[in-house]
Amino acid sequence: MTSTQPRGLHALIPTSHTGATPGERAASQLLHLRQASVPVPVLAAAAELIAPHLEDADPVTRQAAVAVHARLLAAVEEAARGT
């Protein structure tokens, strides 16, 4: 018998229903994110990976991607200024 419960990291992501879109999962994660420390190249790479989702057909995914992309670019710019 196969379990329908989420496994791994997906089990830690709160969702209101089991069929959550990637945008809904990302938005849920962002609500809990307050601070993280990562190298600047990782931030830049993450921004590159998220960029294709800026035009996603799902409006929630698109909105979450825009928000995350903006935060990542702001963090990269802040690091470049040395603040």
PDB file of N, CA and C in Angstrom:
ATOM      1  N   MET A   1       0.843  -1.170   0.000  1.00  0.00           N
ATOM      2  CA  MET A   1       0.000   0.000   0.000  1.00  0.00           C
ATOM      3  C   MET A   1       0.892   1.238   0.000  1.00  0.00           C
ATOM      4  N   THR A   2       0.594   2.210  -0.843  1.00  0.00           N
ATOM      5  CA  THR A   2       1.369   3.435  -0.970  1.00  0.00           C
ATOM      6  C   THR A   2       0.711   4.548  -0.171  1.00  0.00           C
ATOM      7  N   SER A   3       1.510   5.263   0.609  1.00  0.00           N
ATOM      8  CA  SER A   3       0.993   6.376   1.409  1.00  0.00           C
ATOM      9  C   SER A   3       0.797   7.604   0.523  1.00  0.00           C
ATOM     10  N   THR A   4      -0.261   8.365   0.790  1.00  0.00           N
ATOM     11  CA  THR A   4      -0.490   9.608   0.057  1.00  0.00           C
ATOM     12  C   THR A   4       0.016  10.803   0.844  1.00  0.00           C
ATOM     13  N   GLN A   5       0.605  10.570   1.999  1.00  0.00           N
ATOM     14  CA  GLN A   5       1.141  11.654   2.812  1.00  0.00           C
ATOM     15  C   GLN A   5       2.433  12.172   2.199  1.00  0.00           C
ATOM     16  N   PRO A   6       2.672  13.515   2.280  1.00  0.00           N
ATOM     17  CA  PRO A   6       3.920  14.056   1.742  1.00  0.00           C
ATOM     18  C   PRO A   6       5.126  13.523   2.493  1.00  0.00           C
ATOM     19  N   ARG A   7       6.239  13.413   1.790  1.00  0.00           N
ATOM     20  CA  ARG A   7       7.472  12.912   2.395  1.00  0.00           C
ATOM     21  C   ARG A   7       8.579  13.932   2.229  1.00  0.00           C
ATOM     22  N   GLY A   8       9.629  13.770   2.981  1.00  0.00           N
ATOM     23  CA  GLY A   8      10.796  14.640   2.880  1.00  0.00           C
ATOM     24  C   GLY A   8      10.461  16.077   3.196  1.00  0.00           C
ATOM     25  N   LEU A   9      11.066  17.006   2.456  1.00  0.00           N
ATOM     26  CA  LEU A   9      10.849  18.430   2.698  1.00  0.00           C
ATOM     27  C   LEU A   9       9.400  18.835   2.503  1.00  0.00           C
ATOM     28  N   HIS A  10       8.698  18.181   1.590  1.00  0.00           N
ATOM     29  CA  HIS A  10       7.302  18.531   1.342  1.00  0.00           C
ATOM     30  C   HIS A  10       6.435  18.303   2.580  1.00  0.00           C
ATOM     31  N   ALA A  11       6.831  17.392   3.450  1.00  0.00           N
ATOM     32  CA  ALA A  11       6.070  17.135   4.664  1.00  0.00           C
ATOM     33  C   ALA A  11       6.162  18.309   5.633  1.00  0.00           C
ATOM     34  N   LEU A  12       7.199  19.131   5.499  1.00  0.00           N
ATOM     35  CA  LEU A  12       7.393  20.264   6.389  1.00  0.00           C
ATOM     36  C   LEU A  12       6.712  21.532   5.903  1.00  0.00           C
ATOM     37  N   ILE A  13       6.217  21.520   4.689  1.00  0.00           N
ATOM     38  CA  ILE A  13       5.612  22.712   4.092  1.00  0.00           C
ATOM     39  C   ILE A  13       4.117  22.713   4.388  1.00  0.00           C
ATOM     40  N   PRO A  14       3.654  23.692   5.177  1.00  0.00           N
ATOM     41  CA  PRO A  14       2.223  23.720   5.478  1.00  0.00           C
ATOM     42  C   PRO A  14       1.410  24.098   4.247  1.00  0.00           C
ATOM     43  N   THR A  15       0.366  23.353   3.995  1.00  0.00           N
ATOM     44  CA  THR A  15      -0.539  23.647   2.896  1.00  0.00           C
ATOM     45  C   THR A  15      -1.967  23.474   3.387  1.00  0.00           C
ATOM     46  N   SER A  16      -2.877  24.214   2.780  1.00  0.00           N
ATOM     47  CA  SER A  16      -4.273  24.114   3.193  1.00  0.00           C
ATOM     48  C   SER A  16      -4.969  22.922   2.539  1.00  0.00           C
ATOM     49  N   HIS A  17      -4.400  22.415   1.478  1.00  0.00           N
ATOM     50  CA  HIS A  17      -4.942  21.238   0.813  1.00  0.00           C
ATOM     51  C   HIS A  17      -3.809  20.464   0.160  1.00  0.00           C
ATOM     52  N   THR A  18      -4.081  19.227  -0.171  1.00  0.00           N
ATOM     53  CA  THR A  18      -3.011  18.357  -0.659  1.00  0.00           C
ATOM     54  C   THR A  18      -2.575  18.678  -2.082  1.00  0.00           C
ATOM     55  N   GLY A  19      -3.402  19.358  -2.875  1.00  0.00           N
ATOM     56  CA  GLY A  19      -3.059  19.646  -4.263  1.00  0.00           C
ATOM     57  C   GLY A  19      -2.453  21.022  -4.437  1.00  0.00           C
ATOM     58  N   ALA A  20      -1.622  21.456  -3.513  1.00  0.00           N
ATOM     59  CA  ALA A  20      -1.042  22.793  -3.575  1.00  0.00           C
ATOM     60  C   ALA A  20      -0.148  22.955  -4.799  1.00  0.00           C
ATOM     61  N   THR A  21      -0.237  24.132  -5.415  1.00  0.00           N
ATOM     62  CA  THR A  21       0.622  24.441  -6.559  1.00  0.00           C
ATOM     63  C   THR A  21       2.001  24.829  -6.055  1.00  0.00           C
ATOM     64  N   PRO A  22       3.013  24.837  -6.923  1.00  0.00           N
ATOM     65  CA  PRO A  22       4.339  25.293  -6.496  1.00  0.00           C
ATOM     66  C   PRO A  22       4.293  26.716  -5.920  1.00  0.00           C
ATOM     67  N   GLY A  23       3.469  27.561  -6.486  1.00  0.00           N
ATOM     68  CA  GLY A  23       3.349  28.931  -5.975  1.00  0.00           C
ATOM     69  C   GLY A  23       2.763  28.981  -4.586  1.00  0.00           C
ATOM     70  N   GLU A  24       1.778  28.155  -4.328  1.00  0.00           N
ATOM     71  CA  GLU A  24       1.185  28.108  -2.994  1.00  0.00           C
ATOM     72  C   GLU A  24       2.193  27.593  -1.973  1.00  0.00           C
ATOM     73  N   ARG A  25       2.970  26.580  -2.348  1.00  0.00           N
ATOM     74  CA  ARG A  25       3.989  26.065  -1.437  1.00  0.00           C
ATOM     75  C   ARG A  25       5.059  27.123  -1.177  1.00  0.00           C
ATOM     76  N   ALA A  26       5.496  27.819  -2.230  1.00  0.00           N
ATOM     77  CA  ALA A  26       6.517  28.859  -2.070  1.00  0.00           C
ATOM     78  C   ALA A  26       5.995  29.995  -1.199  1.00  0.00           C
ATOM     79  N   ALA A  27       4.760  30.416  -1.419  1.00  0.00           N
ATOM     80  CA  ALA A  27       4.181  31.488  -0.615  1.00  0.00           C
ATOM     81  C   ALA A  27       4.103  31.073   0.845  1.00  0.00           C
ATOM     82  N   SER A  28       3.740  29.836   1.092  1.00  0.00           N
ATOM     83  CA  SER A  28       3.659  29.327   2.456  1.00  0.00           C
ATOM     84  C   SER A  28       5.027  29.330   3.123  1.00  0.00           C
ATOM     85  N   GLN A  29       6.054  28.945   2.384  1.00  0.00           N
ATOM     86  CA  GLN A  29       7.410  28.940   2.929  1.00  0.00           C
ATOM     87  C   GLN A  29       7.870  30.358   3.231  1.00  0.00           C
ATOM     88  N   LEU A  30       7.572  31.298   2.337  1.00  0.00           N
ATOM     89  CA  LEU A  30       8.002  32.677   2.532  1.00  0.00           C
ATOM     90  C   LEU A  30       7.386  33.303   3.775  1.00  0.00           C
ATOM     91  N   LEU A  31       6.179  32.897   4.115  1.00  0.00           N
ATOM     92  CA  LEU A  31       5.533  33.442   5.305  1.00  0.00           C
ATOM     93  C   LEU A  31       6.330  33.138   6.571  1.00  0.00           C
ATOM     94  N   HIS A  32       7.082  32.048   6.547  1.00  0.00           N
ATOM     95  CA  HIS A  32       7.828  31.627   7.726  1.00  0.00           C
ATOM     96  C   HIS A  32       9.299  32.039   7.687  1.00  0.00           C
ATOM     97  N   LEU A  33       9.764  32.518   6.558  1.00  0.00           N
ATOM     98  CA  LEU A  33      11.166  32.880   6.405  1.00  0.00           C
ATOM     99  C   LEU A  33      11.418  34.266   6.974  1.00  0.00           C
ATOM    100  N   ARG A  34      12.330  34.371   7.890  1.00  0.00           N
ATOM    101  CA  ARG A  34      12.689  35.665   8.475  1.00  0.00           C
ATOM    102  C   ARG A  34      14.119  36.067   8.123  1.00  0.00           C
ATOM    103  N   GLN A  35      15.032  35.120   8.160  1.00  0.00           N
ATOM    104  CA  GLN A  35      16.428  35.440   7.900  1.00  0.00           C
ATOM    105  C   GLN A  35      17.168  34.171   7.487  1.00  0.00           C
ATOM    106  N   ALA A  36      18.093  34.339   6.563  1.00  0.00           N
ATOM    107  CA  ALA A  36      18.941  33.233   6.129  1.00  0.00           C
ATOM    108  C   ALA A  36      20.278  33.800   5.704  1.00  0.00           C
ATOM    109  N   SER A  37      21.331  33.055   5.933  1.00  0.00           N
ATOM    110  CA  SER A  37      22.665  33.472   5.520  1.00  0.00           C
ATOM    111  C   SER A  37      23.210  32.452   4.528  1.00  0.00           C
ATOM    112  N   VAL A  38      23.454  32.935   3.315  1.00  0.00           N
ATOM    113  CA  VAL A  38      24.017  32.076   2.269  1.00  0.00           C
ATOM    114  C   VAL A  38      25.018  32.902   1.465  1.00  0.00           C
ATOM    115  N   PRO A  39      25.954  32.259   0.802  1.00  0.00           N
ATOM    116  CA  PRO A  39      26.906  32.990  -0.042  1.00  0.00           C
ATOM    117  C   PRO A  39      26.188  33.708  -1.191  1.00  0.00           C
ATOM    118  N   VAL A  40      26.726  34.850  -1.588  1.00  0.00           N
ATOM    119  CA  VAL A  40      26.129  35.656  -2.662  1.00  0.00           C
ATOM    120  C   VAL A  40      25.977  34.860  -3.962  1.00  0.00           C
ATOM    121  N   PRO A  41      26.952  34.039  -4.360  1.00  0.00           N
ATOM    122  CA  PRO A  41      26.742  33.263  -5.594  1.00  0.00           C
ATOM    123  C   PRO A  41      25.525  32.338  -5.525  1.00  0.00           C
ATOM    124  N   VAL A  42      25.197  31.853  -4.344  1.00  0.00           N
ATOM    125  CA  VAL A  42      24.010  31.005  -4.194  1.00  0.00           C
ATOM    126  C   VAL A  42      22.754  31.841  -4.411  1.00  0.00           C
ATOM    127  N   LEU A  43      22.744  33.071  -3.891  1.00  0.00           N
ATOM    128  CA  LEU A  43      21.603  33.973  -4.105  1.00  0.00           C
ATOM    129  C   LEU A  43      21.428  34.270  -5.591  1.00  0.00           C
ATOM    130  N   ALA A  44      22.526  34.557  -6.261  1.00  0.00           N
ATOM    131  CA  ALA A  44      22.473  34.863  -7.693  1.00  0.00           C
ATOM    132  C   ALA A  44      21.979  33.653  -8.494  1.00  0.00           C
ATOM    133  N   ALA A  45      22.456  32.476  -8.135  1.00  0.00           N
ATOM    134  CA  ALA A  45      22.015  31.255  -8.825  1.00  0.00           C
ATOM    135  C   ALA A  45      20.529  31.001  -8.574  1.00  0.00           C
ATOM    136  N   ALA A  46      20.088  31.224  -7.363  1.00  0.00           N
ATOM    137  CA  ALA A  46      18.666  31.033  -7.047  1.00  0.00           C
ATOM    138  C   ALA A  46      17.802  31.997  -7.858  1.00  0.00           C
ATOM    139  N   ALA A  47      18.259  33.234  -7.988  1.00  0.00           N
ATOM    140  CA  ALA A  47      17.514  34.216  -8.790  1.00  0.00           C
ATOM    141  C   ALA A  47      17.418  33.754 -10.238  1.00  0.00           C
ATOM    142  N   GLU A  48      18.496  33.197 -10.769  1.00  0.00           N
ATOM    143  CA  GLU A  48      18.493  32.681 -12.141  1.00  0.00           C
ATOM    144  C   GLU A  48      17.525  31.508 -12.295  1.00  0.00           C
ATOM    145  N   LEU A  49      17.489  30.640 -11.287  1.00  0.00           N
ATOM    146  CA  LEU A  49      16.614  29.474 -11.357  1.00  0.00           C
ATOM    147  C   LEU A  49      15.138  29.850 -11.236  1.00  0.00           C
ATOM    148  N   ILE A  50      14.852  30.898 -10.490  1.00  0.00           N
ATOM    149  CA  ILE A  50      13.462  31.319 -10.289  1.00  0.00           C
ATOM    150  C   ILE A  50      12.956  32.154 -11.464  1.00  0.00           C
ATOM    151  N   ALA A  51      13.843  32.810 -12.178  1.00  0.00           N
ATOM    152  CA  ALA A  51      13.463  33.726 -13.264  1.00  0.00           C
ATOM    153  C   ALA A  51      12.471  33.120 -14.272  1.00  0.00           C
ATOM    154  N   PRO A  52      12.624  31.868 -14.698  1.00  0.00           N
ATOM    155  CA  PRO A  52      11.656  31.330 -15.659  1.00  0.00           C
ATOM    156  C   PRO A  52      10.216  31.294 -15.138  1.00  0.00           C
ATOM    157  N   HIS A  53      10.048  31.278 -13.825  1.00  0.00           N
ATOM    158  CA  HIS A  53       8.714  31.213 -13.236  1.00  0.00           C
ATOM    159  C   HIS A  53       8.050  32.580 -13.128  1.00  0.00           C
ATOM    160  N   LEU A  54       8.760  33.637 -13.522  1.00  0.00           N
ATOM    161  CA  LEU A  54       8.183  34.984 -13.481  1.00  0.00           C
ATOM    162  C   LEU A  54       7.024  35.118 -14.459  1.00  0.00           C
ATOM    163  N   GLU A  55       6.969  34.246 -15.455  1.00  0.00           N
ATOM    164  CA  GLU A  55       5.898  34.259 -16.461  1.00  0.00           C
ATOM    165  C   GLU A  55       5.053  32.986 -16.395  1.00  0.00           C
ATOM    166  N   ASP A  56       5.012  32.332 -15.237  1.00  0.00           N
ATOM    167  CA  ASP A  56       4.264  31.088 -15.078  1.00  0.00           C
ATOM    168  C   ASP A  56       2.771  31.314 -15.317  1.00  0.00           C
ATOM    169  N   ALA A  57       2.113  30.305 -15.843  1.00  0.00           N
ATOM    170  CA  ALA A  57       0.674  30.400 -16.111  1.00  0.00           C
ATOM    171  C   ALA A  57      -0.153  30.479 -14.827  1.00  0.00           C
ATOM    172  N   ASP A  58       0.336  29.858 -13.756  1.00  0.00           N
ATOM    173  CA  ASP A  58      -0.369  29.879 -12.476  1.00  0.00           C
ATOM    174  C   ASP A  58      -0.115  31.222 -11.798  1.00  0.00           C
ATOM    175  N   PRO A  59      -1.156  32.017 -11.532  1.00  0.00           N
ATOM    176  CA  PRO A  59      -0.955  33.344 -10.952  1.00  0.00           C
ATOM    177  C   PRO A  59      -0.312  33.319  -9.562  1.00  0.00           C
ATOM    178  N   VAL A  60      -0.596  32.295  -8.765  1.00  0.00           N
ATOM    179  CA  VAL A  60       0.004  32.217  -7.429  1.00  0.00           C
ATOM    180  C   VAL A  60       1.495  31.915  -7.550  1.00  0.00           C
ATOM    181  N   THR A  61       1.844  31.006  -8.446  1.00  0.00           N
ATOM    182  CA  THR A  61       3.259  30.692  -8.676  1.00  0.00           C
ATOM    183  C   THR A  61       3.984  31.929  -9.191  1.00  0.00           C
ATOM    184  N   ARG A  62       3.366  32.631 -10.143  1.00  0.00           N
ATOM    185  CA  ARG A  62       3.967  33.840 -10.706  1.00  0.00           C
ATOM    186  C   ARG A  62       4.174  34.899  -9.626  1.00  0.00           C
ATOM    187  N   GLN A  63       3.180  35.128  -8.783  1.00  0.00           N
ATOM    188  CA  GLN A  63       3.275  36.136  -7.725  1.00  0.00           C
ATOM    189  C   GLN A  63       4.374  35.772  -6.722  1.00  0.00           C
ATOM    190  N   ALA A  64       4.444  34.507  -6.340  1.00  0.00           N
ATOM    191  CA  ALA A  64       5.485  34.071  -5.411  1.00  0.00           C
ATOM    192  C   ALA A  64       6.864  34.201  -6.047  1.00  0.00           C
ATOM    193  N   ALA A  65       6.980  33.837  -7.323  1.00  0.00           N
ATOM    194  CA  ALA A  65       8.269  33.935  -8.016  1.00  0.00           C
ATOM    195  C   ALA A  65       8.733  35.380  -8.096  1.00  0.00           C
ATOM    196  N   VAL A  66       7.820  36.293  -8.389  1.00  0.00           N
ATOM    197  CA  VAL A  66       8.174  37.719  -8.455  1.00  0.00           C
ATOM    198  C   VAL A  66       8.672  38.199  -7.102  1.00  0.00           C
ATOM    199  N   ALA A  67       7.977  37.824  -6.035  1.00  0.00           N
ATOM    200  CA  ALA A  67       8.370  38.257  -4.691  1.00  0.00           C
ATOM    201  C   ALA A  67       9.734  37.693  -4.301  1.00  0.00           C
ATOM    202  N   VAL A  68       9.937  36.399  -4.538  1.00  0.00           N
ATOM    203  CA  VAL A  68      11.207  35.762  -4.181  1.00  0.00           C
ATOM    204  C   VAL A  68      12.339  36.330  -5.031  1.00  0.00           C
ATOM    205  N   HIS A  69      12.104  36.490  -6.322  1.00  0.00           N
ATOM    206  CA  HIS A  69      13.120  37.021  -7.230  1.00  0.00           C
ATOM    207  C   HIS A  69      13.554  38.421  -6.783  1.00  0.00           C
ATOM    208  N   ALA A  70      12.583  39.250  -6.428  1.00  0.00           N
ATOM    209  CA  ALA A  70      12.900  40.613  -5.972  1.00  0.00           C
ATOM    210  C   ALA A  70      13.727  40.585  -4.692  1.00  0.00           C
ATOM    211  N   ARG A  71      13.372  39.719  -3.764  1.00  0.00           N
ATOM    212  CA  ARG A  71      14.135  39.608  -2.508  1.00  0.00           C
ATOM    213  C   ARG A  71      15.560  39.142  -2.765  1.00  0.00           C
ATOM    214  N   LEU A  72      15.702  38.170  -3.665  1.00  0.00           N
ATOM    215  CA  LEU A  72      17.038  37.661  -3.974  1.00  0.00           C
ATOM    216  C   LEU A  72      17.900  38.739  -4.631  1.00  0.00           C
ATOM    217  N   LEU A  73      17.333  39.444  -5.600  1.00  0.00           N
ATOM    218  CA  LEU A  73      18.101  40.505  -6.263  1.00  0.00           C
ATOM    219  C   LEU A  73      18.462  41.625  -5.291  1.00  0.00           C
ATOM    220  N   ALA A  74      17.544  41.964  -4.391  1.00  0.00           N
ATOM    221  CA  ALA A  74      17.833  42.996  -3.388  1.00  0.00           C
ATOM    222  C   ALA A  74      18.972  42.557  -2.470  1.00  0.00           C
ATOM    223  N   ALA A  75      18.973  41.292  -2.090  1.00  0.00           N
ATOM    224  CA  ALA A  75      20.049  40.779  -1.231  1.00  0.00           C
ATOM    225  C   ALA A  75      21.391  40.787  -1.955  1.00  0.00           C
ATOM    226  N   VAL A  76      21.383  40.438  -3.243  1.00  0.00           N
ATOM    227  CA  VAL A  76      22.622  40.462  -4.030  1.00  0.00           C
ATOM    228  C   VAL A  76      23.138  41.898  -4.148  1.00  0.00           C
ATOM    229  N   GLU A  77      22.242  42.840  -4.433  1.00  0.00           N
ATOM    230  CA  GLU A  77      22.636  44.248  -4.548  1.00  0.00           C
ATOM    231  C   GLU A  77      23.158  44.791  -3.213  1.00  0.00           C
ATOM    232  N   GLU A  78      22.500  44.416  -2.118  1.00  0.00           N
ATOM    233  CA  GLU A  78      22.938  44.859  -0.795  1.00  0.00           C
ATOM    234  C   GLU A  78      24.330  44.335  -0.487  1.00  0.00           C
ATOM    235  N   ALA A  79      24.576  43.083  -0.838  1.00  0.00           N
ATOM    236  CA  ALA A  79      25.894  42.490  -0.613  1.00  0.00           C
ATOM    237  C   ALA A  79      26.957  43.178  -1.469  1.00  0.00           C
ATOM    238  N   ALA A  80      26.592  43.580  -2.694  1.00  0.00           N
ATOM    239  CA  ALA A  80      27.531  44.254  -3.577  1.00  0.00           C
ATOM    240  C   ALA A  80      27.916  45.634  -3.035  1.00  0.00           C
ATOM    241  N   ARG A  81      26.962  46.272  -2.341  1.00  0.00           N
ATOM    242  CA  ARG A  81      27.261  47.573  -1.717  1.00  0.00           C
ATOM    243  C   ARG A  81      28.082  47.421  -0.454  1.00  0.00           C
ATOM    244  N   GLY A  82      28.141  46.175   0.063  1.00  0.00           N
ATOM    245  CA  GLY A  82      28.928  45.921   1.258  1.00  0.00           C
ATOM    246  C   GLY A  82      28.221  46.268   2.546  1.00  0.00           C
ATOM    247  N   THR A  83      26.888  46.321   2.511  1.00  0.00           N
ATOM    248  CA  THR A  83      26.136  46.637   3.722  1.00  0.00           C
ATOM    249  C   THR A  83      25.649  45.402   4.419  1.00  0.00           C
TER     250      THR A  83
END
